[in-house]
Amino acid sequence: MRQLDRHRHQTRHQRVLMHAGRHPGITQRELVEHSHADKAQIARLLAQLQQQGWLTRRPDPDDGRVRRLHLSTSGRRLFAQLQALQDGIASTLLREVPAAQQHQLLALLQSARDSISDDLE
C-alpha cells in the first residue's frame, strides 16, 4: 500500500511538472483550474517541486501578487526525459496501429477530453 501511495505521489508531481513544462509561465491559479484539484494540494505540490529544485515561482511583471511557474534548468532536463519516456511508450503502444487509426484514436481522445472539460466548467 505504501508503494501505491508513493507512486500516486510521484505521478501527481510528474503531471504538474509536465504541465508547467508545456505551459511556461502558467499561474498557480490556472494550474488549479486545469487540474480541478484542491488549491492547498497544488500549493503543497508546487512547494515540493520548488524544494527539489525543479520549479521556480516568479512574480508576474504586471501584478506582483501573482506568481508565474517556470521549470528550472534541472526541471527542464527532467521534463525532456519524461517527454522522451512518454513518446517511447506511445510509439511502442501504437507500433502496429496504422496511421489512419492513430489519427482516429487521437480525435476520439480529444473529443472525450473536451467533453469532460465542458462538463466540469
PDB file of N, CA and C in Angstrom:
ATOM      1  N   MET A   1       0.822  -1.196   0.000  1.00  0.00           N
ATOM      2  CA  MET A   1       0.000   0.000   0.000  1.00  0.00           C
ATOM      3  C   MET A   1       0.869   1.264   0.000  1.00  0.00           C
ATOM      4  N   ARG A   2       1.961   1.262   0.742  1.00  0.00           N
ATOM      5  CA  ARG A   2       2.848   2.416   0.771  1.00  0.00           C
ATOM      6  C   ARG A   2       3.448   2.674  -0.602  1.00  0.00           C
ATOM      7  N   GLN A   3       3.739   1.600  -1.318  1.00  0.00           N
ATOM      8  CA  GLN A   3       4.321   1.753  -2.649  1.00  0.00           C
ATOM      9  C   GLN A   3       3.312   2.407  -3.596  1.00  0.00           C
ATOM     10  N   LEU A   4       2.037   2.026  -3.478  1.00  0.00           N
ATOM     11  CA  LEU A   4       0.998   2.630  -4.309  1.00  0.00           C
ATOM     12  C   LEU A   4       0.847   4.111  -3.984  1.00  0.00           C
ATOM     13  N   ASP A   5       0.856   4.465  -2.701  1.00  0.00           N
ATOM     14  CA  ASP A   5       0.777   5.874  -2.308  1.00  0.00           C
ATOM     15  C   ASP A   5       1.966   6.654  -2.849  1.00  0.00           C
ATOM     16  N   ARG A   6       3.137   6.060  -2.793  1.00  0.00           N
ATOM     17  CA  ARG A   6       4.350   6.718  -3.316  1.00  0.00           C
ATOM     18  C   ARG A   6       4.223   6.937  -4.818  1.00  0.00           C
ATOM     19  N   HIS A   7       3.698   5.928  -5.531  1.00  0.00           N
ATOM     20  CA  HIS A   7       3.516   6.048  -6.980  1.00  0.00           C
ATOM     21  C   HIS A   7       2.530   7.170  -7.298  1.00  0.00           C
ATOM     22  N   ARG A   8       1.405   7.239  -6.569  1.00  0.00           N
ATOM     23  CA  ARG A   8       0.425   8.311  -6.789  1.00  0.00           C
ATOM     24  C   ARG A   8       1.063   9.674  -6.557  1.00  0.00           C
ATOM     25  N   HIS A   9       1.862   9.751  -5.511  1.00  0.00           N
ATOM     26  CA  HIS A   9       2.560  10.989  -5.167  1.00  0.00           C
ATOM     27  C   HIS A   9       3.477  11.408  -6.315  1.00  0.00           C
ATOM     28  N   GLN A  10       4.256  10.474  -6.827  1.00  0.00           N
ATOM     29  CA  GLN A  10       5.172  10.768  -7.924  1.00  0.00           C
ATOM     30  C   GLN A  10       4.409  11.130  -9.189  1.00  0.00           C
ATOM     31  N   THR A  11       3.305  10.451  -9.455  1.00  0.00           N
ATOM     32  CA  THR A  11       2.507  10.728 -10.651  1.00  0.00           C
ATOM     33  C   THR A  11       1.962  12.149 -10.610  1.00  0.00           C
ATOM     34  N   ARG A  12       1.474  12.585  -9.462  1.00  0.00           N
ATOM     35  CA  ARG A  12       0.963  13.963  -9.345  1.00  0.00           C
ATOM     36  C   ARG A  12       2.079  14.975  -9.626  1.00  0.00           C
ATOM     37  N   HIS A  13       3.257  14.710  -9.063  1.00  0.00           N
ATOM     38  CA  HIS A  13       4.389  15.601  -9.304  1.00  0.00           C
ATOM     39  C   HIS A  13       4.735  15.646 -10.792  1.00  0.00           C
ATOM     40  N   GLN A  14       4.741  14.489 -11.428  1.00  0.00           N
ATOM     41  CA  GLN A  14       5.072  14.431 -12.849  1.00  0.00           C
ATOM     42  C   GLN A  14       4.042  15.176 -13.681  1.00  0.00           C
ATOM     43  N   ARG A  15       2.776  15.019 -13.356  1.00  0.00           N
ATOM     44  CA  ARG A  15       1.728  15.713 -14.117  1.00  0.00           C
ATOM     45  C   ARG A  15       1.874  17.224 -14.010  1.00  0.00           C
ATOM     46  N   VAL A  16       2.119  17.699 -12.809  1.00  0.00           N
ATOM     47  CA  VAL A  16       2.288  19.143 -12.611  1.00  0.00           C
ATOM     48  C   VAL A  16       3.535  19.624 -13.343  1.00  0.00           C
ATOM     49  N   LEU A  17       4.616  18.884 -13.200  1.00  0.00           N
ATOM     50  CA  LEU A  17       5.863  19.250 -13.868  1.00  0.00           C
ATOM     51  C   LEU A  17       5.674  19.282 -15.390  1.00  0.00           C
ATOM     52  N   MET A  18       5.017  18.280 -15.934  1.00  0.00           N
ATOM     53  CA  MET A  18       4.806  18.223 -17.383  1.00  0.00           C
ATOM     54  C   MET A  18       3.919  19.376 -17.846  1.00  0.00           C
ATOM     55  N   HIS A  19       2.891  19.683 -17.083  1.00  0.00           N
ATOM     56  CA  HIS A  19       2.001  20.777 -17.489  1.00  0.00           C
ATOM     57  C   HIS A  19       2.738  22.115 -17.435  1.00  0.00           C
ATOM     58  N   ALA A  20       3.520  22.312 -16.387  1.00  0.00           N
ATOM     59  CA  ALA A  20       4.298  23.552 -16.289  1.00  0.00           C
ATOM     60  C   ALA A  20       5.333  23.629 -17.412  1.00  0.00           C
ATOM     61  N   GLY A  21       5.878  22.487 -17.817  1.00  0.00           N
ATOM     62  CA  GLY A  21       6.836  22.469 -18.915  1.00  0.00           C
ATOM     63  C   GLY A  21       6.200  22.788 -20.259  1.00  0.00           C
ATOM     64  N   ARG A  22       4.954  22.350 -20.439  1.00  0.00           N
ATOM     65  CA  ARG A  22       4.250  22.630 -21.694  1.00  0.00           C
ATOM     66  C   ARG A  22       3.641  24.032 -21.720  1.00  0.00           C
ATOM     67  N   HIS A  23       3.498  24.625 -20.530  1.00  0.00           N
ATOM     68  CA  HIS A  23       2.873  25.956 -20.425  1.00  0.00           C
ATOM     69  C   HIS A  23       3.729  26.858 -19.535  1.00  0.00           C
ATOM     70  N   PRO A  24       4.919  27.231 -20.010  1.00  0.00           N
ATOM     71  CA  PRO A  24       5.793  28.080 -19.197  1.00  0.00           C
ATOM     72  C   PRO A  24       5.096  29.383 -18.812  1.00  0.00           C
ATOM     73  N   GLY A  25       5.232  29.754 -17.551  1.00  0.00           N
ATOM     74  CA  GLY A  25       4.627  30.991 -17.086  1.00  0.00           C
ATOM     75  C   GLY A  25       3.202  30.840 -16.606  1.00  0.00           C
ATOM     76  N   ILE A  26       2.683  29.629 -16.582  1.00  0.00           N
ATOM     77  CA  ILE A  26       1.328  29.405 -16.086  1.00  0.00           C
ATOM     78  C   ILE A  26       1.260  29.859 -14.629  1.00  0.00           C
ATOM     79  N   THR A  27       0.116  30.346 -14.219  1.00  0.00           N
ATOM     80  CA  THR A  27      -0.031  30.759 -12.818  1.00  0.00           C
ATOM     81  C   THR A  27      -0.522  29.575 -11.994  1.00  0.00           C
ATOM     82  N   GLN A  28      -0.351  29.703 -10.687  1.00  0.00           N
ATOM     83  CA  GLN A  28      -0.830  28.656  -9.790  1.00  0.00           C
ATOM     84  C   GLN A  28      -2.345  28.524  -9.920  1.00  0.00           C
ATOM     85  N   ARG A  29      -3.030  29.628 -10.054  1.00  0.00           N
ATOM     86  CA  ARG A  29      -4.492  29.610 -10.195  1.00  0.00           C
ATOM     87  C   ARG A  29      -4.905  28.863 -11.471  1.00  0.00           C
ATOM     88  N   GLU A  30      -4.208  29.146 -12.573  1.00  0.00           N
ATOM     89  CA  GLU A  30      -4.518  28.455 -13.836  1.00  0.00           C
ATOM     90  C   GLU A  30      -4.272  26.956 -13.709  1.00  0.00           C
ATOM     91  N   LEU A  31      -3.223  26.592 -12.983  1.00  0.00           N
ATOM     92  CA  LEU A  31      -2.925  25.182 -12.775  1.00  0.00           C
ATOM     93  C   LEU A  31      -4.021  24.515 -11.944  1.00  0.00           C
ATOM     94  N   VAL A  32      -4.506  25.191 -10.925  1.00  0.00           N
ATOM     95  CA  VAL A  32      -5.600  24.660 -10.105  1.00  0.00           C
ATOM     96  C   VAL A  32      -6.840  24.465 -10.973  1.00  0.00           C
ATOM     97  N   GLU A  33      -7.159  25.458 -11.793  1.00  0.00           N
ATOM     98  CA  GLU A  33      -8.330  25.364 -12.671  1.00  0.00           C
ATOM     99  C   GLU A  33      -8.185  24.214 -13.667  1.00  0.00           C
ATOM    100  N   HIS A  34      -6.997  24.040 -14.207  1.00  0.00           N
ATOM    101  CA  HIS A  34      -6.760  22.974 -15.176  1.00  0.00           C
ATOM    102  C   HIS A  34      -6.876  21.600 -14.526  1.00  0.00           C
ATOM    103  N   SER A  35      -6.315  21.463 -13.350  1.00  0.00           N
ATOM    104  CA  SER A  35      -6.244  20.147 -12.709  1.00  0.00           C
ATOM    105  C   SER A  35      -7.508  19.790 -11.939  1.00  0.00           C
ATOM    106  N   HIS A  36      -8.330  20.792 -11.648  1.00  0.00           N
ATOM    107  CA  HIS A  36      -9.530  20.574 -10.838  1.00  0.00           C
ATOM    108  C   HIS A  36      -9.170  19.984  -9.483  1.00  0.00           C
ATOM    109  N   ALA A  37      -7.982  20.324  -9.008  1.00  0.00           N
ATOM    110  CA  ALA A  37      -7.523  19.845  -7.711  1.00  0.00           C
ATOM    111  C   ALA A  37      -7.715  20.947  -6.674  1.00  0.00           C
ATOM    112  N   ASP A  38      -7.581  20.570  -5.429  1.00  0.00           N
ATOM    113  CA  ASP A  38      -7.681  21.498  -4.319  1.00  0.00           C
ATOM    114  C   ASP A  38      -6.518  22.487  -4.354  1.00  0.00           C
ATOM    115  N   LYS A  39      -6.818  23.747  -4.099  1.00  0.00           N
ATOM    116  CA  LYS A  39      -5.809  24.803  -4.139  1.00  0.00           C
ATOM    117  C   LYS A  39      -4.662  24.520  -3.163  1.00  0.00           C
ATOM    118  N   ALA A  40      -4.973  24.061  -1.979  1.00  0.00           N
ATOM    119  CA  ALA A  40      -3.938  23.765  -0.979  1.00  0.00           C
ATOM    120  C   ALA A  40      -3.063  22.593  -1.416  1.00  0.00           C
ATOM    121  N   GLN A  41      -3.683  21.603  -2.041  1.00  0.00           N
ATOM    122  CA  GLN A  41      -2.927  20.440  -2.526  1.00  0.00           C
ATOM    123  C   GLN A  41      -1.930  20.864  -3.600  1.00  0.00           C
ATOM    124  N   ILE A  42      -2.373  21.703  -4.519  1.00  0.00           N
ATOM    125  CA  ILE A  42      -1.479  22.191  -5.578  1.00  0.00           C
ATOM    126  C   ILE A  42      -0.366  23.043  -4.969  1.00  0.00           C
ATOM    127  N   ALA A  43      -0.690  23.865  -3.989  1.00  0.00           N
ATOM    128  CA  ALA A  43       0.328  24.697  -3.342  1.00  0.00           C
ATOM    129  C   ALA A  43       1.406  23.823  -2.704  1.00  0.00           C
ATOM    130  N   ARG A  44       0.997  22.737  -2.052  1.00  0.00           N
ATOM    131  CA  ARG A  44       1.975  21.817  -1.450  1.00  0.00           C
ATOM    132  C   ARG A  44       2.830  21.146  -2.515  1.00  0.00           C
ATOM    133  N   LEU A  45       2.191  20.698  -3.602  1.00  0.00           N
ATOM    134  CA  LEU A  45       2.935  20.071  -4.694  1.00  0.00           C
ATOM    135  C   LEU A  45       3.964  21.035  -5.277  1.00  0.00           C
ATOM    136  N   LEU A  46       3.555  22.264  -5.508  1.00  0.00           N
ATOM    137  CA  LEU A  46       4.467  23.256  -6.076  1.00  0.00           C
ATOM    138  C   LEU A  46       5.625  23.539  -5.127  1.00  0.00           C
ATOM    139  N   ALA A  47       5.333  23.627  -3.846  1.00  0.00           N
ATOM    140  CA  ALA A  47       6.396  23.850  -2.861  1.00  0.00           C
ATOM    141  C   ALA A  47       7.394  22.693  -2.879  1.00  0.00           C
ATOM    142  N   GLN A  48       6.898  21.472  -3.008  1.00  0.00           N
ATOM    143  CA  GLN A  48       7.782  20.311  -3.057  1.00  0.00           C
ATOM    144  C   GLN A  48       8.626  20.319  -4.328  1.00  0.00           C
ATOM    145  N   LEU A  49       8.010  20.648  -5.460  1.00  0.00           N
ATOM    146  CA  LEU A  49       8.763  20.719  -6.720  1.00  0.00           C
ATOM    147  C   LEU A  49       9.817  21.825  -6.661  1.00  0.00           C
ATOM    148  N   GLN A  50       9.469  22.926  -6.027  1.00  0.00           N
ATOM    149  CA  GLN A  50      10.425  24.019  -5.880  1.00  0.00           C
ATOM    150  C   GLN A  50      11.555  23.609  -4.938  1.00  0.00           C
ATOM    151  N   GLN A  51      11.214  22.942  -3.859  1.00  0.00           N
ATOM    152  CA  GLN A  51      12.228  22.488  -2.900  1.00  0.00           C
ATOM    153  C   GLN A  51      13.192  21.496  -3.547  1.00  0.00           C
ATOM    154  N   GLN A  52      12.685  20.677  -4.476  1.00  0.00           N
ATOM    155  CA  GLN A  52      13.537  19.715  -5.167  1.00  0.00           C
ATOM    156  C   GLN A  52      14.365  20.371  -6.270  1.00  0.00           C
ATOM    157  N   GLY A  53      14.108  21.649  -6.510  1.00  0.00           N
ATOM    158  CA  GLY A  53      14.900  22.384  -7.488  1.00  0.00           C
ATOM    159  C   GLY A  53      14.420  22.243  -8.921  1.00  0.00           C
ATOM    160  N   TRP A  54      13.196  21.788  -9.118  1.00  0.00           N
ATOM    161  CA  TRP A  54      12.683  21.566 -10.465  1.00  0.00           C
ATOM    162  C   TRP A  54      11.803  22.705 -10.974  1.00  0.00           C
ATOM    163  N   LEU A  55      11.372  23.581 -10.079  1.00  0.00           N
ATOM    164  CA  LEU A  55      10.395  24.600 -10.434  1.00  0.00           C
ATOM    165  C   LEU A  55      10.761  25.907  -9.738  1.00  0.00           C
ATOM    166  N   THR A  56      10.485  27.014 -10.423  1.00  0.00           N
ATOM    167  CA  THR A  56      10.617  28.328  -9.802  1.00  0.00           C
ATOM    168  C   THR A  56       9.285  29.047  -9.902  1.00  0.00           C
ATOM    169  N   ARG A  57       9.044  29.903  -8.933  1.00  0.00           N
ATOM    170  CA  ARG A  57       7.852  30.757  -8.948  1.00  0.00           C
ATOM    171  C   ARG A  57       8.349  32.194  -8.983  1.00  0.00           C
ATOM    172  N   ARG A  58       8.016  32.881 -10.077  1.00  0.00           N
ATOM    173  CA  ARG A  58       8.471  34.260 -10.266  1.00  0.00           C
ATOM    174  C   ARG A  58       7.287  35.212 -10.238  1.00  0.00           C
ATOM    175  N   PRO A  59       7.498  36.409  -9.709  1.00  0.00           N
ATOM    176  CA  PRO A  59       6.405  37.390  -9.703  1.00  0.00           C
ATOM    177  C   PRO A  59       6.010  37.780 -11.128  1.00  0.00           C
ATOM    178  N   ASP A  60       4.738  37.965 -11.335  1.00  0.00           N
ATOM    179  CA  ASP A  60       4.230  38.454 -12.620  1.00  0.00           C
ATOM    180  C   ASP A  60       4.666  39.914 -12.758  1.00  0.00           C
ATOM    181  N   PRO A  61       5.193  40.302 -13.933  1.00  0.00           N
ATOM    182  CA  PRO A  61       5.653  41.690 -14.093  1.00  0.00           C
ATOM    183  C   PRO A  61       4.528  42.722 -13.950  1.00  0.00           C
ATOM    184  N   ASP A  62       3.286  42.322 -14.228  1.00  0.00           N
ATOM    185  CA  ASP A  62       2.165  43.264 -14.162  1.00  0.00           C
ATOM    186  C   ASP A  62       1.423  43.242 -12.827  1.00  0.00           C
ATOM    187  N   ASP A  63       1.560  42.145 -12.086  1.00  0.00           N
ATOM    188  CA  ASP A  63       0.848  42.005 -10.817  1.00  0.00           C
ATOM    189  C   ASP A  63       1.718  41.200  -9.862  1.00  0.00           C
ATOM    190  N   GLY A  64       2.389  41.876  -8.967  1.00  0.00           N
ATOM    191  CA  GLY A  64       3.332  41.238  -8.055  1.00  0.00           C
ATOM    192  C   GLY A  64       2.717  40.203  -7.138  1.00  0.00           C
ATOM    193  N   ARG A  65       1.381  40.205  -7.002  1.00  0.00           N
ATOM    194  CA  ARG A  65       0.719  39.202  -6.160  1.00  0.00           C
ATOM    195  C   ARG A  65       0.659  37.846  -6.845  1.00  0.00           C
ATOM    196  N   VAL A  66       0.744  37.856  -8.167  1.00  0.00           N
ATOM    197  CA  VAL A  66       0.633  36.627  -8.968  1.00  0.00           C
ATOM    198  C   VAL A  66       2.022  36.032  -9.171  1.00  0.00           C
ATOM    199  N   ARG A  67       2.116  34.722  -9.041  1.00  0.00           N
ATOM    200  CA  ARG A  67       3.381  34.019  -9.268  1.00  0.00           C
ATOM    201  C   ARG A  67       3.252  33.184 -10.535  1.00  0.00           C
ATOM    202  N   ARG A  68       4.256  33.307 -11.395  1.00  0.00           N
ATOM    203  CA  ARG A  68       4.315  32.535 -12.631  1.00  0.00           C
ATOM    204  C   ARG A  68       5.251  31.355 -12.422  1.00  0.00           C
ATOM    205  N   LEU A  69       4.848  30.180 -12.922  1.00  0.00           N
ATOM    206  CA  LEU A  69       5.606  28.947 -12.732  1.00  0.00           C
ATOM    207  C   LEU A  69       6.494  28.689 -13.937  1.00  0.00           C
ATOM    208  N   HIS A  70       7.753  28.383 -13.652  1.00  0.00           N
ATOM    209  CA  HIS A  70       8.725  28.067 -14.702  1.00  0.00           C
ATOM    210  C   HIS A  70       9.575  26.897 -14.231  1.00  0.00           C
ATOM    211  N   LEU A  71       9.959  26.047 -15.161  1.00  0.00           N
ATOM    212  CA  LEU A  71      10.874  24.972 -14.817  1.00  0.00           C
ATOM    213  C   LEU A  71      12.281  25.535 -14.673  1.00  0.00           C
ATOM    214  N   SER A  72      13.007  25.011 -13.706  1.00  0.00           N
ATOM    215  CA  SER A  72      14.418  25.362 -13.542  1.00  0.00           C
ATOM    216  C   SER A  72      15.222  24.601 -14.593  1.00  0.00           C
ATOM    217  N   THR A  73      16.511  24.798 -14.613  1.00  0.00           N
ATOM    218  CA  THR A  73      17.369  24.064 -15.547  1.00  0.00           C
ATOM    219  C   THR A  73      17.236  22.559 -15.321  1.00  0.00           C
ATOM    220  N   SER A  74      17.293  22.123 -14.062  1.00  0.00           N
ATOM    221  CA  SER A  74      17.148  20.681 -13.794  1.00  0.00           C
ATOM    222  C   SER A  74      15.723  20.226 -14.082  1.00  0.00           C
ATOM    223  N   GLY A  75      14.748  21.101 -13.870  1.00  0.00           N
ATOM    224  CA  GLY A  75      13.360  20.767 -14.200  1.00  0.00           C
ATOM    225  C   GLY A  75      13.160  20.582 -15.700  1.00  0.00           C
ATOM    226  N   ARG A  76      13.835  21.409 -16.501  1.00  0.00           N
ATOM    227  CA  ARG A  76      13.740  21.263 -17.968  1.00  0.00           C
ATOM    228  C   ARG A  76      14.395  19.964 -18.425  1.00  0.00           C
ATOM    229  N   ARG A  77      15.490  19.584 -17.774  1.00  0.00           N
ATOM    230  CA  ARG A  77      16.134  18.302 -18.106  1.00  0.00           C
ATOM    231  C   ARG A  77      15.200  17.139 -17.775  1.00  0.00           C
ATOM    232  N   LEU A  78      14.593  17.193 -16.590  1.00  0.00           N
ATOM    233  CA  LEU A  78      13.663  16.140 -16.193  1.00  0.00           C
ATOM    234  C   LEU A  78      12.456  16.109 -17.125  1.00  0.00           C
ATOM    235  N   PHE A  79      11.950  17.285 -17.490  1.00  0.00           N
ATOM    236  CA  PHE A  79      10.829  17.385 -18.427  1.00  0.00           C
ATOM    237  C   PHE A  79      11.182  16.690 -19.742  1.00  0.00           C
ATOM    238  N   ALA A  80      12.369  16.955 -20.261  1.00  0.00           N
ATOM    239  CA  ALA A  80      12.799  16.333 -21.523  1.00  0.00           C
ATOM    240  C   ALA A  80      12.887  14.812 -21.378  1.00  0.00           C
ATOM    241  N   GLN A  81      13.393  14.338 -20.259  1.00  0.00           N
ATOM    242  CA  GLN A  81      13.482  12.893 -20.027  1.00  0.00           C
ATOM    243  C   GLN A  81      12.094  12.262 -19.945  1.00  0.00           C
ATOM    244  N   LEU A  82      11.187  12.915 -19.225  1.00  0.00           N
ATOM    245  CA  LEU A  82       9.821  12.384 -19.107  1.00  0.00           C
ATOM    246  C   LEU A  82       9.103  12.415 -20.454  1.00  0.00           C
ATOM    247  N   GLN A  83       9.318  13.483 -21.220  1.00  0.00           N
ATOM    248  CA  GLN A  83       8.707  13.595 -22.543  1.00  0.00           C
ATOM    249  C   GLN A  83       9.202  12.478 -23.457  1.00  0.00           C
ATOM    250  N   ALA A  84      10.497  12.204 -23.418  1.00  0.00           N
ATOM    251  CA  ALA A  84      11.064  11.121 -24.232  1.00  0.00           C
ATOM    252  C   ALA A  84      10.495   9.770 -23.797  1.00  0.00           C
ATOM    253  N   LEU A  85      10.329   9.587 -22.502  1.00  0.00           N
ATOM    254  CA  LEU A  85       9.751   8.347 -21.991  1.00  0.00           C
ATOM    255  C   LEU A  85       8.309   8.186 -22.460  1.00  0.00           C
ATOM    256  N   GLN A  86       7.529   9.253 -22.370  1.00  0.00           N
ATOM    257  CA  GLN A  86       6.142   9.216 -22.847  1.00  0.00           C
ATOM    258  C   GLN A  86       6.082   8.923 -24.341  1.00  0.00           C
ATOM    259  N   ASP A  87       6.943   9.564 -25.105  1.00  0.00           N
ATOM    260  CA  ASP A  87       6.967   9.337 -26.552  1.00  0.00           C
ATOM    261  C   ASP A  87       7.330   7.887 -26.872  1.00  0.00           C
ATOM    262  N   GLY A  88       8.279   7.338 -26.131  1.00  0.00           N
ATOM    263  CA  GLY A  88       8.676   5.938 -26.337  1.00  0.00           C
ATOM    264  C   GLY A  88       7.551   4.975 -26.022  1.00  0.00           C
ATOM    265  N   ILE A  89       6.838   5.235 -24.941  1.00  0.00           N
ATOM    266  CA  ILE A  89       5.700   4.374 -24.577  1.00  0.00           C
ATOM    267  C   ILE A  89       4.621   4.454 -25.647  1.00  0.00           C
ATOM    268  N   ALA A  90       4.311   5.663 -26.090  1.00  0.00           N
ATOM    269  CA  ALA A  90       3.285   5.835 -27.127  1.00  0.00           C
ATOM    270  C   ALA A  90       3.697   5.129 -28.413  1.00  0.00           C
ATOM    271  N   SER A  91       4.955   5.257 -28.793  1.00  0.00           N
ATOM    272  CA  SER A  91       5.443   4.588 -30.009  1.00  0.00           C
ATOM    273  C   SER A  91       5.316   3.077 -29.896  1.00  0.00           C
ATOM    274  N   THR A  92       5.663   2.545 -28.733  1.00  0.00           N
ATOM    275  CA  THR A  92       5.566   1.097 -28.521  1.00  0.00           C
ATOM    276  C   THR A  92       4.115   0.639 -28.593  1.00  0.00           C
ATOM    277  N   LEU A  93       3.233   1.381 -27.943  1.00  0.00           N
ATOM    278  CA  LEU A  93       1.821   1.001 -27.920  1.00  0.00           C
ATOM    279  C   LEU A  93       1.176   1.074 -29.306  1.00  0.00           C
ATOM    280  N   LEU A  94       1.618   2.031 -30.110  1.00  0.00           N
ATOM    281  CA  LEU A  94       0.977   2.264 -31.408  1.00  0.00           C
ATOM    282  C   LEU A  94       1.765   1.708 -32.589  1.00  0.00           C
ATOM    283  N   ARG A  95       2.809   0.989 -32.298  1.00  0.00           N
ATOM    284  CA  ARG A  95       3.697   0.487 -33.353  1.00  0.00           C
ATOM    285  C   ARG A  95       2.950  -0.277 -34.447  1.00  0.00           C
ATOM    286  N   GLU A  96       1.989  -1.088 -34.085  1.00  0.00           N
ATOM    287  CA  GLU A  96       1.281  -1.927 -35.052  1.00  0.00           C
ATOM    288  C   GLU A  96      -0.023  -1.297 -35.556  1.00  0.00           C
ATOM    289  N   VAL A  97      -0.331  -0.104 -35.097  1.00  0.00           N
ATOM    290  CA  VAL A  97      -1.590   0.548 -35.464  1.00  0.00           C
ATOM    291  C   VAL A  97      -1.347   1.447 -36.673  1.00  0.00           C
ATOM    292  N   PRO A  98      -2.112   1.247 -37.745  1.00  0.00           N
ATOM    293  CA  PRO A  98      -1.938   2.088 -38.940  1.00  0.00           C
ATOM    294  C   PRO A  98      -2.157   3.572 -38.628  1.00  0.00           C
ATOM    295  N   ALA A  99      -1.495   4.429 -39.378  1.00  0.00           N
ATOM    296  CA  ALA A  99      -1.534   5.875 -39.137  1.00  0.00           C
ATOM    297  C   ALA A  99      -2.959   6.423 -39.129  1.00  0.00           C
ATOM    298  N   ALA A 100      -3.806   5.951 -40.036  1.00  0.00           N
ATOM    299  CA  ALA A 100      -5.186   6.447 -40.097  1.00  0.00           C
ATOM    300  C   ALA A 100      -5.923   6.143 -38.794  1.00  0.00           C
ATOM    301  N   GLN A 101      -5.698   4.966 -38.245  1.00  0.00           N
ATOM    302  CA  GLN A 101      -6.345   4.608 -36.984  1.00  0.00           C
ATOM    303  C   GLN A 101      -5.749   5.387 -35.811  1.00  0.00           C
ATOM    304  N   GLN A 102      -4.469   5.697 -35.889  1.00  0.00           N
ATOM    305  CA  GLN A 102      -3.851   6.528 -34.846  1.00  0.00           C
ATOM    306  C   GLN A 102      -4.504   7.907 -34.820  1.00  0.00           C
ATOM    307  N   HIS A 103      -4.745   8.476 -35.996  1.00  0.00           N
ATOM    308  CA  HIS A 103      -5.391   9.784 -36.084  1.00  0.00           C
ATOM    309  C   HIS A 103      -6.822   9.714 -35.551  1.00  0.00           C
ATOM    310  N   GLN A 104      -7.503   8.624 -35.871  1.00  0.00           N
ATOM    311  CA  GLN A 104      -8.860   8.414 -35.384  1.00  0.00           C
ATOM    312  C   GLN A 104      -8.881   8.335 -33.858  1.00  0.00           C
ATOM    313  N   LEU A 105      -7.953   7.571 -33.310  1.00  0.00           N
ATOM    314  CA  LEU A 105      -7.850   7.421 -31.858  1.00  0.00           C
ATOM    315  C   LEU A 105      -7.584   8.770 -31.198  1.00  0.00           C
ATOM    316  N   LEU A 106      -6.670   9.533 -31.756  1.00  0.00           N
ATOM    317  CA  LEU A 106      -6.351  10.843 -31.201  1.00  0.00           C
ATOM    318  C   LEU A 106      -7.580  11.750 -31.217  1.00  0.00           C
ATOM    319  N   ALA A 107      -8.317  11.742 -32.307  1.00  0.00           N
ATOM    320  CA  ALA A 107      -9.524  12.564 -32.410  1.00  0.00           C
ATOM    321  C   ALA A 107     -10.565  12.148 -31.370  1.00  0.00           C
ATOM    322  N   LEU A 108     -10.730  10.855 -31.162  1.00  0.00           N
ATOM    323  CA  LEU A 108     -11.681  10.364 -30.163  1.00  0.00           C
ATOM    324  C   LEU A 108     -11.259  10.766 -28.745  1.00  0.00           C
ATOM    325  N   LEU A 109      -9.972  10.645 -28.462  1.00  0.00           N
ATOM    326  CA  LEU A 109      -9.471  11.014 -27.134  1.00  0.00           C
ATOM    327  C   LEU A 109      -9.631  12.513 -26.884  1.00  0.00           C
ATOM    328  N   GLN A 110      -9.361  13.316 -27.909  1.00  0.00           N
ATOM    329  CA  GLN A 110      -9.524  14.762 -27.764  1.00  0.00           C
ATOM    330  C   GLN A 110     -10.992  15.118 -27.561  1.00  0.00           C
ATOM    331  N   SER A 111     -11.869  14.425 -28.257  1.00  0.00           N
ATOM    332  CA  SER A 111     -13.300  14.656 -28.100  1.00  0.00           C
ATOM    333  C   SER A 111     -13.757  14.299 -26.684  1.00  0.00           C
ATOM    334  N   ALA A 112     -13.259  13.188 -26.162  1.00  0.00           N
ATOM    335  CA  ALA A 112     -13.604  12.779 -24.800  1.00  0.00           C
ATOM    336  C   ALA A 112     -13.073  13.802 -23.793  1.00  0.00           C
ATOM    337  N   ARG A 113     -11.837  14.265 -23.983  1.00  0.00           N
ATOM    338  CA  ARG A 113     -11.258  15.269 -23.092  1.00  0.00           C
ATOM    339  C   ARG A 113     -12.078  16.550 -23.124  1.00  0.00           C
ATOM    340  N   ASP A 114     -12.456  16.994 -24.310  1.00  0.00           N
ATOM    341  CA  ASP A 114     -13.234  18.219 -24.447  1.00  0.00           C
ATOM    342  C   ASP A 114     -14.602  18.072 -23.791  1.00  0.00           C
ATOM    343  N   SER A 115     -15.188  16.889 -23.921  1.00  0.00           N
ATOM    344  CA  SER A 115     -16.487  16.624 -23.320  1.00  0.00           C
ATOM    345  C   SER A 115     -16.407  16.695 -21.798  1.00  0.00           C
ATOM    346  N   ILE A 116     -15.359  16.124 -21.255  1.00  0.00           N
ATOM    347  CA  ILE A 116     -15.184  16.168 -19.796  1.00  0.00           C
ATOM    348  C   ILE A 116     -14.939  17.595 -19.343  1.00  0.00           C
ATOM    349  N   SER A 117     -14.134  18.337 -20.085  1.00  0.00           N
ATOM    350  CA  SER A 117     -13.845  19.734 -19.738  1.00  0.00           C
ATOM    351  C   SER A 117     -15.117  20.549 -19.744  1.00  0.00           C
ATOM    352  N   ASP A 118     -15.967  20.335 -20.744  1.00  0.00           N
ATOM    353  CA  ASP A 118     -17.242  21.059 -20.819  1.00  0.00           C
ATOM    354  C   ASP A 118     -18.128  20.755 -19.613  1.00  0.00           C
ATOM    355  N   ASP A 119     -18.136  19.486 -19.188  1.00  0.00           N
ATOM    356  CA  ASP A 119     -18.958  19.089 -18.041  1.00  0.00           C
ATOM    357  C   ASP A 119     -18.460  19.697 -16.738  1.00  0.00           C
ATOM    358  N   LEU A 120     -17.159  19.914 -16.629  1.00  0.00           N
ATOM    359  CA  LEU A 120     -16.579  20.434 -15.400  1.00  0.00           C
ATOM    360  C   LEU A 120     -16.692  21.942 -15.281  1.00  0.00           C
ATOM    361  N   GLU A 121     -16.927  22.609 -16.381  1.00  0.00           N
ATOM    362  CA  GLU A 121     -16.998  24.079 -16.353  1.00  0.00           C
ATOM    363  C   GLU A 121     -18.347  24.573 -15.911  1.00  0.00           C
TER     364      GLU A 121
END
